Amino acid sequence: MGIRLLSMISSVKQFNKVHSVVTRKQISDVPKGHLAVYVGETEKKRFVVPIKYVNHASFQELLRIAEEEFGYQHPMGGLTIPCNEEAFFHVTSRLNKA
């Protein structure tokens, strides 16, 4: 029984180590001053946008929709915006021009 428990603990430690490396990799590929968001109604696609977008009313509307849909529990583990990619591109392209 003791050997089996030690084996299980070892497996959990290995999982946590791998998970930590994967999580750091995902976080580290977002440049400073940017934010990763997941966009899509059914299939989610990851985008990295400048953090300055958060101050604009049109992007805040997308955030309000996300809050209504998910609250603070986002299924992808990151900020998920439940709109189609076309609407997201429309908002972000206007912000890029501003």
PDB file of N, CA and C in Angstrom:
ATOM      1  N   MET A   1       0.825  -1.188   0.000  1.00  0.00           N
ATOM      2  CA  MET A   1       0.000   0.000   0.000  1.00  0.00           C
ATOM      3  C   MET A   1       0.869   1.251   0.000  1.00  0.00           C
ATOM      4  N   GLY A   2       1.931   1.265   0.802  1.00  0.00           N
ATOM      5  CA  GLY A   2       2.810   2.430   0.892  1.00  0.00           C
ATOM      6  C   GLY A   2       3.524   2.711  -0.423  1.00  0.00           C
ATOM      7  N   ILE A   3       3.955   1.643  -1.122  1.00  0.00           N
ATOM      8  CA  ILE A   3       4.646   1.806  -2.408  1.00  0.00           C
ATOM      9  C   ILE A   3       3.695   2.371  -3.446  1.00  0.00           C
ATOM     10  N   ARG A   4       2.468   1.894  -3.443  1.00  0.00           N
ATOM     11  CA  ARG A   4       1.473   2.396  -4.402  1.00  0.00           C
ATOM     12  C   ARG A   4       1.202   3.884  -4.169  1.00  0.00           C
ATOM     13  N   LEU A   5       1.109   4.293  -2.901  1.00  0.00           N
ATOM     14  CA  LEU A   5       0.882   5.692  -2.556  1.00  0.00           C
ATOM     15  C   LEU A   5       2.049   6.552  -3.023  1.00  0.00           C
ATOM     16  N   LEU A   6       3.277   6.073  -2.802  1.00  0.00           N
ATOM     17  CA  LEU A   6       4.453   6.819  -3.254  1.00  0.00           C
ATOM     18  C   LEU A   6       4.463   6.958  -4.772  1.00  0.00           C
ATOM     19  N   SER A   7       4.041   5.928  -5.485  1.00  0.00           N
ATOM     20  CA  SER A   7       3.961   5.975  -6.943  1.00  0.00           C
ATOM     21  C   SER A   7       2.947   7.019  -7.392  1.00  0.00           C
ATOM     22  N   MET A   8       1.798   7.073  -6.711  1.00  0.00           N
ATOM     23  CA  MET A   8       0.768   8.052  -7.065  1.00  0.00           C
ATOM     24  C   MET A   8       1.262   9.472  -6.805  1.00  0.00           C
ATOM     25  N   ILE A   9       1.939   9.684  -5.689  1.00  0.00           N
ATOM     26  CA  ILE A   9       2.473  11.008  -5.357  1.00  0.00           C
ATOM     27  C   ILE A   9       3.497  11.432  -6.395  1.00  0.00           C
ATOM     28  N   SER A  10       4.352  10.512  -6.812  1.00  0.00           N
ATOM     29  CA  SER A  10       5.354  10.792  -7.834  1.00  0.00           C
ATOM     30  C   SER A  10       4.691  11.206  -9.149  1.00  0.00           C
ATOM     31  N   SER A  11       3.624  10.505  -9.532  1.00  0.00           N
ATOM     32  CA  SER A  11       2.902  10.830 -10.761  1.00  0.00           C
ATOM     33  C   SER A  11       2.281  12.221 -10.686  1.00  0.00           C
ATOM     34  N   VAL A  12       1.717  12.573  -9.554  1.00  0.00           N
ATOM     35  CA  VAL A  12       1.107  13.889  -9.375  1.00  0.00           C
ATOM     36  C   VAL A  12       2.176  14.977  -9.473  1.00  0.00           C
ATOM     37  N   LYS A  13       3.333  14.743  -8.872  1.00  0.00           N
ATOM     38  CA  LYS A  13       4.417  15.726  -8.933  1.00  0.00           C
ATOM     39  C   LYS A  13       4.889  15.926 -10.373  1.00  0.00           C
ATOM     40  N   GLN A  14       5.003  14.837 -11.134  1.00  0.00           N
ATOM     41  CA  GLN A  14       5.411  14.947 -12.533  1.00  0.00           C
ATOM     42  C   GLN A  14       4.377  15.717 -13.333  1.00  0.00           C
ATOM     43  N   PHE A  15       3.096  15.448 -13.101  1.00  0.00           N
ATOM     44  CA  PHE A  15       2.030  16.176 -13.793  1.00  0.00           C
ATOM     45  C   PHE A  15       2.110  17.667 -13.480  1.00  0.00           C
ATOM     46  N   ASN A  16       2.283  17.998 -12.205  1.00  0.00           N
ATOM     47  CA  ASN A  16       2.354  19.409 -11.810  1.00  0.00           C
ATOM     48  C   ASN A  16       3.546  20.104 -12.445  1.00  0.00           C
ATOM     49  N   LYS A  17       4.664  19.407 -12.577  1.00  0.00           N
ATOM     50  CA  LYS A  17       5.852  19.989 -13.193  1.00  0.00           C
ATOM     51  C   LYS A  17       5.602  20.269 -14.676  1.00  0.00           C
ATOM     52  N   VAL A  18       5.022  19.318 -15.386  1.00  0.00           N
ATOM     53  CA  VAL A  18       4.715  19.494 -16.808  1.00  0.00           C
ATOM     54  C   VAL A  18       3.680  20.602 -16.980  1.00  0.00           C
ATOM     55  N   HIS A  19       2.638  20.602 -16.163  1.00  0.00           N
ATOM     56  CA  HIS A  19       1.594  21.626 -16.250  1.00  0.00           C
ATOM     57  C   HIS A  19       2.185  23.015 -16.021  1.00  0.00           C
ATOM     58  N   SER A  20       3.102  23.143 -15.081  1.00  0.00           N
ATOM     59  CA  SER A  20       3.742  24.416 -14.796  1.00  0.00           C
ATOM     60  C   SER A  20       4.534  24.928 -15.993  1.00  0.00           C
ATOM     61  N   VAL A  21       5.262  24.050 -16.663  1.00  0.00           N
ATOM     62  CA  VAL A  21       6.042  24.430 -17.847  1.00  0.00           C
ATOM     63  C   VAL A  21       5.115  24.865 -18.975  1.00  0.00           C
ATOM     64  N   VAL A  22       4.046  24.120 -19.221  1.00  0.00           N
ATOM     65  CA  VAL A  22       3.093  24.458 -20.280  1.00  0.00           C
ATOM     66  C   VAL A  22       2.433  25.802 -19.982  1.00  0.00           C
ATOM     67  N   THR A  23       2.013  26.025 -18.742  1.00  0.00           N
ATOM     68  CA  THR A  23       1.355  27.279 -18.369  1.00  0.00           C
ATOM     69  C   THR A  23       2.302  28.453 -18.553  1.00  0.00           C
ATOM     70  N   ARG A  24       3.549  28.312 -18.127  1.00  0.00           N
ATOM     71  CA  ARG A  24       4.526  29.399 -18.307  1.00  0.00           C
ATOM     72  C   ARG A  24       4.737  29.693 -19.774  1.00  0.00           C
ATOM     73  N   LYS A  25       4.762  28.670 -20.619  1.00  0.00           N
ATOM     74  CA  LYS A  25       4.944  28.850 -22.058  1.00  0.00           C
ATOM     75  C   LYS A  25       3.790  29.652 -22.642  1.00  0.00           C
ATOM     76  N   GLN A  26       2.558  29.321 -22.247  1.00  0.00           N
ATOM     77  CA  GLN A  26       1.398  30.039 -22.760  1.00  0.00           C
ATOM     78  C   GLN A  26       1.415  31.485 -22.317  1.00  0.00           C
ATOM     79  N   ILE A  27       1.794  31.753 -21.090  1.00  0.00           N
ATOM     80  CA  ILE A  27       1.834  33.117 -20.579  1.00  0.00           C
ATOM     81  C   ILE A  27       2.968  33.898 -21.220  1.00  0.00           C
ATOM     82  N   SER A  28       4.122  33.258 -21.405  1.00  0.00           N
ATOM     83  CA  SER A  28       5.297  33.970 -21.893  1.00  0.00           C
ATOM     84  C   SER A  28       5.197  34.359 -23.359  1.00  0.00           C
ATOM     85  N   ASP A  29       4.275  33.778 -24.132  1.00  0.00           N
ATOM     86  CA  ASP A  29       4.189  34.155 -25.531  1.00  0.00           C
ATOM     87  C   ASP A  29       3.286  35.371 -25.754  1.00  0.00           C
ATOM     88  N   VAL A  30       2.795  35.973 -24.667  1.00  0.00           N
ATOM     89  CA  VAL A  30       2.026  37.213 -24.762  1.00  0.00           C
ATOM     90  C   VAL A  30       2.974  38.352 -24.411  1.00  0.00           C
ATOM     91  N   PRO A  31       3.236  39.245 -25.381  1.00  0.00           N
ATOM     92  CA  PRO A  31       4.178  40.334 -25.114  1.00  0.00           C
ATOM     93  C   PRO A  31       3.668  41.275 -24.021  1.00  0.00           C
ATOM     94  N   LYS A  32       4.590  41.930 -23.378  1.00  0.00           N
ATOM     95  CA  LYS A  32       4.243  42.903 -22.350  1.00  0.00           C
ATOM     96  C   LYS A  32       3.343  43.975 -22.975  1.00  0.00           C
ATOM     97  N   GLY A  33       2.296  44.349 -22.256  1.00  0.00           N
ATOM     98  CA  GLY A  33       1.373  45.349 -22.754  1.00  0.00           C
ATOM     99  C   GLY A  33       0.275  44.786 -23.635  1.00  0.00           C
ATOM    100  N   HIS A  34       0.170  43.469 -23.676  1.00  0.00           N
ATOM    101  CA  HIS A  34      -0.847  42.810 -24.494  1.00  0.00           C
ATOM    102  C   HIS A  34      -1.658  41.839 -23.641  1.00  0.00           C
ATOM    103  N   LEU A  35      -2.731  41.351 -24.225  1.00  0.00           N
ATOM    104  CA  LEU A  35      -3.664  40.482 -23.535  1.00  0.00           C
ATOM    105  C   LEU A  35      -4.120  39.400 -24.504  1.00  0.00           C
ATOM    106  N   ALA A  36      -4.175  38.158 -24.040  1.00  0.00           N
ATOM    107  CA  ALA A  36      -4.669  37.062 -24.875  1.00  0.00           C
ATOM    108  C   ALA A  36      -6.162  36.901 -24.641  1.00  0.00           C
ATOM    109  N   VAL A  37      -6.929  36.814 -25.723  1.00  0.00           N
ATOM    110  CA  VAL A  37      -8.371  36.582 -25.633  1.00  0.00           C
ATOM    111  C   VAL A  37      -8.745  35.449 -26.571  1.00  0.00           C
ATOM    112  N   TYR A  38      -9.821  34.761 -26.237  1.00  0.00           N
ATOM    113  CA  TYR A  38     -10.350  33.702 -27.085  1.00  0.00           C
ATOM    114  C   TYR A  38     -11.665  34.202 -27.662  1.00  0.00           C
ATOM    115  N   VAL A  39     -11.814  34.102 -28.979  1.00  0.00           N
ATOM    116  CA  VAL A  39     -12.961  34.660 -29.673  1.00  0.00           C
ATOM    117  C   VAL A  39     -13.634  33.580 -30.498  1.00  0.00           C
ATOM    118  N   GLY A  40     -14.945  33.599 -30.495  1.00  0.00           N
ATOM    119  CA  GLY A  40     -15.708  32.679 -31.325  1.00  0.00           C
ATOM    120  C   GLY A  40     -16.972  32.246 -30.621  1.00  0.00           C
ATOM    121  N   GLU A  41     -17.972  31.927 -31.421  1.00  0.00           N
ATOM    122  CA  GLU A  41     -19.235  31.497 -30.841  1.00  0.00           C
ATOM    123  C   GLU A  41     -19.223  30.004 -30.516  1.00  0.00           C
ATOM    124  N   THR A  42     -18.645  29.198 -31.393  1.00  0.00           N
ATOM    125  CA  THR A  42     -18.550  27.764 -31.121  1.00  0.00           C
ATOM    126  C   THR A  42     -17.088  27.359 -30.995  1.00  0.00           C
ATOM    127  N   GLU A  43     -16.329  27.524 -32.049  1.00  0.00           N
ATOM    128  CA  GLU A  43     -14.897  27.213 -32.011  1.00  0.00           C
ATOM    129  C   GLU A  43     -14.139  28.472 -31.614  1.00  0.00           C
ATOM    130  N   LYS A  44     -13.353  28.381 -30.566  1.00  0.00           N
ATOM    131  CA  LYS A  44     -12.630  29.536 -30.043  1.00  0.00           C
ATOM    132  C   LYS A  44     -11.247  29.648 -30.682  1.00  0.00           C
ATOM    133  N   LYS A  45     -10.881  30.873 -31.046  1.00  0.00           N
ATOM    134  CA  LYS A  45      -9.574  31.140 -31.628  1.00  0.00           C
ATOM    135  C   LYS A  45      -8.869  32.162 -30.743  1.00  0.00           C
ATOM    136  N   ARG A  46      -7.582  31.974 -30.532  1.00  0.00           N
ATOM    137  CA  ARG A  46      -6.820  32.837 -29.626  1.00  0.00           C
ATOM    138  C   ARG A  46      -6.230  34.018 -30.389  1.00  0.00           C
ATOM    139  N   PHE A  47      -6.403  35.212 -29.800  1.00  0.00           N
ATOM    140  CA  PHE A  47      -5.823  36.437 -30.351  1.00  0.00           C
ATOM    141  C   PHE A  47      -5.083  37.174 -29.249  1.00  0.00           C
ATOM    142  N   VAL A  48      -4.042  37.888 -29.619  1.00  0.00           N
ATOM    143  CA  VAL A  48      -3.301  38.718 -28.676  1.00  0.00           C
ATOM    144  C   VAL A  48      -3.519  40.167 -29.106  1.00  0.00           C
ATOM    145  N   VAL A  49      -4.073  40.969 -28.191  1.00  0.00           N
ATOM    146  CA  VAL A  49      -4.411  42.358 -28.504  1.00  0.00           C
ATOM    147  C   VAL A  49      -3.720  43.292 -27.506  1.00  0.00           C
ATOM    148  N   PRO A  50      -3.481  44.536 -27.917  1.00  0.00           N
ATOM    149  CA  PRO A  50      -2.895  45.513 -26.981  1.00  0.00           C
ATOM    150  C   PRO A  50      -3.833  45.773 -25.801  1.00  0.00           C
ATOM    151  N   ILE A  51      -3.279  45.920 -24.632  1.00  0.00           N
ATOM    152  CA  ILE A  51      -4.067  46.154 -23.420  1.00  0.00           C
ATOM    153  C   ILE A  51      -4.807  47.488 -23.503  1.00  0.00           C
ATOM    154  N   LYS A  52      -4.319  48.425 -24.324  1.00  0.00           N
ATOM    155  CA  LYS A  52      -4.961  49.738 -24.441  1.00  0.00           C
ATOM    156  C   LYS A  52      -6.385  49.628 -25.002  1.00  0.00           C
ATOM    157  N   TYR A  53      -6.712  48.523 -25.678  1.00  0.00           N
ATOM    158  CA  TYR A  53      -8.061  48.333 -26.199  1.00  0.00           C
ATOM    159  C   TYR A  53      -9.108  48.323 -25.088  1.00  0.00           C
ATOM    160  N   VAL A  54      -8.713  47.912 -23.900  1.00  0.00           N
ATOM    161  CA  VAL A  54      -9.641  47.792 -22.775  1.00  0.00           C
ATOM    162  C   VAL A  54     -10.282  49.142 -22.437  1.00  0.00           C
ATOM    163  N   ASN A  55      -9.615  50.237 -22.746  1.00  0.00           N
ATOM    164  CA  ASN A  55     -10.137  51.563 -22.426  1.00  0.00           C
ATOM    165  C   ASN A  55     -11.192  52.058 -23.409  1.00  0.00           C
ATOM    166  N   HIS A  56     -11.359  51.427 -24.544  1.00  0.00           N
ATOM    167  CA  HIS A  56     -12.277  51.885 -25.579  1.00  0.00           C
ATOM    168  C   HIS A  56     -13.677  51.303 -25.371  1.00  0.00           C
ATOM    169  N   ALA A  57     -14.684  52.147 -25.615  1.00  0.00           N
ATOM    170  CA  ALA A  57     -16.083  51.764 -25.382  1.00  0.00           C
ATOM    171  C   ALA A  57     -16.501  50.538 -26.192  1.00  0.00           C
ATOM    172  N   SER A  58     -16.045  50.437 -27.436  1.00  0.00           N
ATOM    173  CA  SER A  58     -16.455  49.302 -28.268  1.00  0.00           C
ATOM    174  C   SER A  58     -15.885  47.985 -27.739  1.00  0.00           C
ATOM    175  N   PHE A  59     -14.655  48.005 -27.233  1.00  0.00           N
ATOM    176  CA  PHE A  59     -14.067  46.791 -26.671  1.00  0.00           C
ATOM    177  C   PHE A  59     -14.707  46.490 -25.319  1.00  0.00           C
ATOM    178  N   GLN A  60     -15.044  47.531 -24.564  1.00  0.00           N
ATOM    179  CA  GLN A  60     -15.716  47.333 -23.288  1.00  0.00           C
ATOM    180  C   GLN A  60     -17.084  46.681 -23.481  1.00  0.00           C
ATOM    181  N   GLU A  61     -17.722  46.963 -24.613  1.00  0.00           N
ATOM    182  CA  GLU A  61     -18.996  46.309 -24.921  1.00  0.00           C
ATOM    183  C   GLU A  61     -18.785  44.801 -25.103  1.00  0.00           C
ATOM    184  N   LEU A  62     -17.689  44.427 -25.781  1.00  0.00           N
ATOM    185  CA  LEU A  62     -17.374  43.001 -25.922  1.00  0.00           C
ATOM    186  C   LEU A  62     -17.116  42.364 -24.556  1.00  0.00           C
ATOM    187  N   LEU A  63     -16.435  43.103 -23.679  1.00  0.00           N
ATOM    188  CA  LEU A  63     -16.165  42.592 -22.332  1.00  0.00           C
ATOM    189  C   LEU A  63     -17.459  42.445 -21.531  1.00  0.00           C
ATOM    190  N   ARG A  64     -18.399  43.364 -21.723  1.00  0.00           N
ATOM    191  CA  ARG A  64     -19.683  43.278 -21.032  1.00  0.00           C
ATOM    192  C   ARG A  64     -20.437  42.021 -21.478  1.00  0.00           C
ATOM    193  N   ILE A  65     -20.396  41.742 -22.779  1.00  0.00           N
ATOM    194  CA  ILE A  65     -21.041  40.539 -23.313  1.00  0.00           C
ATOM    195  C   ILE A  65     -20.390  39.283 -22.715  1.00  0.00           C
ATOM    196  N   ALA A  66     -19.064  39.310 -22.620  1.00  0.00           N
ATOM    197  CA  ALA A  66     -18.344  38.168 -22.034  1.00  0.00           C
ATOM    198  C   ALA A  66     -18.736  37.979 -20.570  1.00  0.00           C
ATOM    199  N   GLU A  67     -18.879  39.083 -19.849  1.00  0.00           N
ATOM    200  CA  GLU A  67     -19.268  38.991 -18.439  1.00  0.00           C
ATOM    201  C   GLU A  67     -20.673  38.410 -18.295  1.00  0.00           C
ATOM    202  N   GLU A  68     -21.598  38.843 -19.159  1.00  0.00           N
ATOM    203  CA  GLU A  68     -22.957  38.311 -19.107  1.00  0.00           C
ATOM    204  C   GLU A  68     -22.983  36.807 -19.396  1.00  0.00           C
ATOM    205  N   GLU A  69     -22.157  36.391 -20.355  1.00  0.00           N
ATOM    206  CA  GLU A  69     -22.142  34.988 -20.774  1.00  0.00           C
ATOM    207  C   GLU A  69     -21.442  34.078 -19.768  1.00  0.00           C
ATOM    208  N   PHE A  70     -20.275  34.519 -19.283  1.00  0.00           N
ATOM    209  CA  PHE A  70     -19.436  33.636 -18.473  1.00  0.00           C
ATOM    210  C   PHE A  70     -19.221  34.100 -17.040  1.00  0.00           C
ATOM    211  N   GLY A  71     -19.565  35.339 -16.720  1.00  0.00           N
ATOM    212  CA  GLY A  71     -19.218  35.863 -15.400  1.00  0.00           C
ATOM    213  C   GLY A  71     -17.703  35.941 -15.326  1.00  0.00           C
ATOM    214  N   TYR A  72     -17.143  35.362 -14.292  1.00  0.00           N
ATOM    215  CA  TYR A  72     -15.682  35.356 -14.163  1.00  0.00           C
ATOM    216  C   TYR A  72     -15.108  33.949 -14.301  1.00  0.00           C
ATOM    217  N   GLN A  73     -15.912  33.025 -14.814  1.00  0.00           N
ATOM    218  CA  GLN A  73     -15.480  31.641 -15.027  1.00  0.00           C
ATOM    219  C   GLN A  73     -15.401  31.382 -16.526  1.00  0.00           C
ATOM    220  N   HIS A  74     -14.278  31.657 -17.130  1.00  0.00           N
ATOM    221  CA  HIS A  74     -14.122  31.489 -18.574  1.00  0.00           C
ATOM    222  C   HIS A  74     -13.655  30.071 -18.895  1.00  0.00           C
ATOM    223  N   PRO A  75     -14.330  29.397 -19.827  1.00  0.00           N
ATOM    224  CA  PRO A  75     -14.068  27.982 -20.101  1.00  0.00           C
ATOM    225  C   PRO A  75     -12.683  27.695 -20.681  1.00  0.00           C
ATOM    226  N   MET A  76     -12.080  28.649 -21.354  1.00  0.00           N
ATOM    227  CA  MET A  76     -10.784  28.415 -21.987  1.00  0.00           C
ATOM    228  C   MET A  76      -9.621  28.688 -21.024  1.00  0.00           C
ATOM    229  N   GLY A  77      -9.928  29.147 -19.825  1.00  0.00           N
ATOM    230  CA  GLY A  77      -8.879  29.470 -18.876  1.00  0.00           C
ATOM    231  C   GLY A  77      -8.353  30.878 -19.072  1.00  0.00           C
ATOM    232  N   GLY A  78      -8.821  31.568 -20.072  1.00  0.00           N
ATOM    233  CA  GLY A  78      -8.450  32.952 -20.337  1.00  0.00           C
ATOM    234  C   GLY A  78      -9.707  33.717 -20.692  1.00  0.00           C
ATOM    235  N   LEU A  79      -9.559  34.969 -20.966  1.00  0.00           N
ATOM    236  CA  LEU A  79     -10.703  35.804 -21.309  1.00  0.00           C
ATOM    237  C   LEU A  79     -11.329  35.321 -22.607  1.00  0.00           C
ATOM    238  N   THR A  80     -12.596  34.928 -22.539  1.00  0.00           N
ATOM    239  CA  THR A  80     -13.319  34.408 -23.694  1.00  0.00           C
ATOM    240  C   THR A  80     -14.396  35.400 -24.097  1.00  0.00           C
ATOM    241  N   ILE A  81     -14.388  35.814 -25.362  1.00  0.00           N
ATOM    242  CA  ILE A  81     -15.378  36.755 -25.872  1.00  0.00           C
ATOM    243  C   ILE A  81     -16.305  35.996 -26.815  1.00  0.00           C
ATOM    244  N   PRO A  82     -17.595  35.879 -26.445  1.00  0.00           N
ATOM    245  CA  PRO A  82     -18.525  35.071 -27.233  1.00  0.00           C
ATOM    246  C   PRO A  82     -19.152  35.846 -28.401  1.00  0.00           C
ATOM    247  N   CYS A  83     -18.336  36.220 -29.352  1.00  0.00           N
ATOM    248  CA  CYS A  83     -18.860  36.859 -30.563  1.00  0.00           C
ATOM    249  C   CYS A  83     -18.161  36.205 -31.750  1.00  0.00           C
ATOM    250  N   ASN A  84     -18.684  36.438 -32.944  1.00  0.00           N
ATOM    251  CA  ASN A  84     -18.017  35.823 -34.095  1.00  0.00           C
ATOM    252  C   ASN A  84     -16.752  36.611 -34.444  1.00  0.00           C
ATOM    253  N   GLU A  85     -15.862  35.967 -35.142  1.00  0.00           N
ATOM    254  CA  GLU A  85     -14.573  36.582 -35.480  1.00  0.00           C
ATOM    255  C   GLU A  85     -14.741  37.846 -36.309  1.00  0.00           C
ATOM    256  N   GLU A  86     -15.737  37.869 -37.171  1.00  0.00           N
ATOM    257  CA  GLU A  86     -15.962  39.039 -38.022  1.00  0.00           C
ATOM    258  C   GLU A  86     -16.267  40.286 -37.176  1.00  0.00           C
ATOM    259  N   ALA A  87     -17.122  40.134 -36.179  1.00  0.00           N
ATOM    260  CA  ALA A  87     -17.451  41.251 -35.286  1.00  0.00           C
ATOM    261  C   ALA A  87     -16.213  41.693 -34.510  1.00  0.00           C
ATOM    262  N   PHE A  88     -15.424  40.726 -34.049  1.00  0.00           N
ATOM    263  CA  PHE A  88     -14.189  41.039 -33.317  1.00  0.00           C
ATOM    264  C   PHE A  88     -13.217  41.796 -34.218  1.00  0.00           C
ATOM    265  N   PHE A  89     -13.047  41.341 -35.463  1.00  0.00           N
ATOM    266  CA  PHE A  89     -12.163  42.034 -36.408  1.00  0.00           C
ATOM    267  C   PHE A  89     -12.657  43.452 -36.682  1.00  0.00           C
ATOM    268  N   HIS A  90     -13.965  43.614 -36.782  1.00  0.00           N
ATOM    269  CA  HIS A  90     -14.533  44.934 -37.029  1.00  0.00           C
ATOM    270  C   HIS A  90     -14.160  45.896 -35.897  1.00  0.00           C
ATOM    271  N   VAL A  91     -14.334  45.459 -34.663  1.00  0.00           N
ATOM    272  CA  VAL A  91     -14.018  46.301 -33.502  1.00  0.00           C
ATOM    273  C   VAL A  91     -12.526  46.585 -33.437  1.00  0.00           C
ATOM    274  N   THR A  92     -11.704  45.558 -33.558  1.00  0.00           N
ATOM    275  CA  THR A  92     -10.261  45.764 -33.413  1.00  0.00           C
ATOM    276  C   THR A  92      -9.665  46.558 -34.576  1.00  0.00           C
ATOM    277  N   SER A  93     -10.207  46.418 -35.766  1.00  0.00           N
ATOM    278  CA  SER A  93      -9.677  47.203 -36.894  1.00  0.00           C
ATOM    279  C   SER A  93      -9.979  48.681 -36.698  1.00  0.00           C
ATOM    280  N   ARG A  94     -11.152  49.002 -36.132  1.00  0.00           N
ATOM    281  CA  ARG A  94     -11.469  50.398 -35.831  1.00  0.00           C
ATOM    282  C   ARG A  94     -10.530  50.936 -34.749  1.00  0.00           C
ATOM    283  N   LEU A  95     -10.198  50.108 -33.766  1.00  0.00           N
ATOM    284  CA  LEU A  95      -9.292  50.534 -32.697  1.00  0.00           C
ATOM    285  C   LEU A  95      -7.867  50.714 -33.223  1.00  0.00           C
ATOM    286  N   ASN A  96      -7.466  49.904 -34.202  1.00  0.00           N
ATOM    287  CA  ASN A  96      -6.132  50.031 -34.786  1.00  0.00           C
ATOM    288  C   ASN A  96      -5.982  51.363 -35.509  1.00  0.00           C
ATOM    289  N   LYS A  97      -7.070  51.848 -36.105  1.00  0.00           N
ATOM    290  CA  LYS A  97      -7.026  53.104 -36.847  1.00  0.00           C
ATOM    291  C   LYS A  97      -7.034  54.307 -35.911  1.00  0.00           C
ATOM    292  N   ALA A  98      -7.584  54.121 -34.713  1.00  0.00           N
ATOM    293  CA  ALA A  98      -7.690  55.247 -33.750  1.00  0.00           C
ATOM    294  C   ALA A  98      -6.367  55.598 -33.130  1.00  0.00           C
TER     295      ALA A  98
END
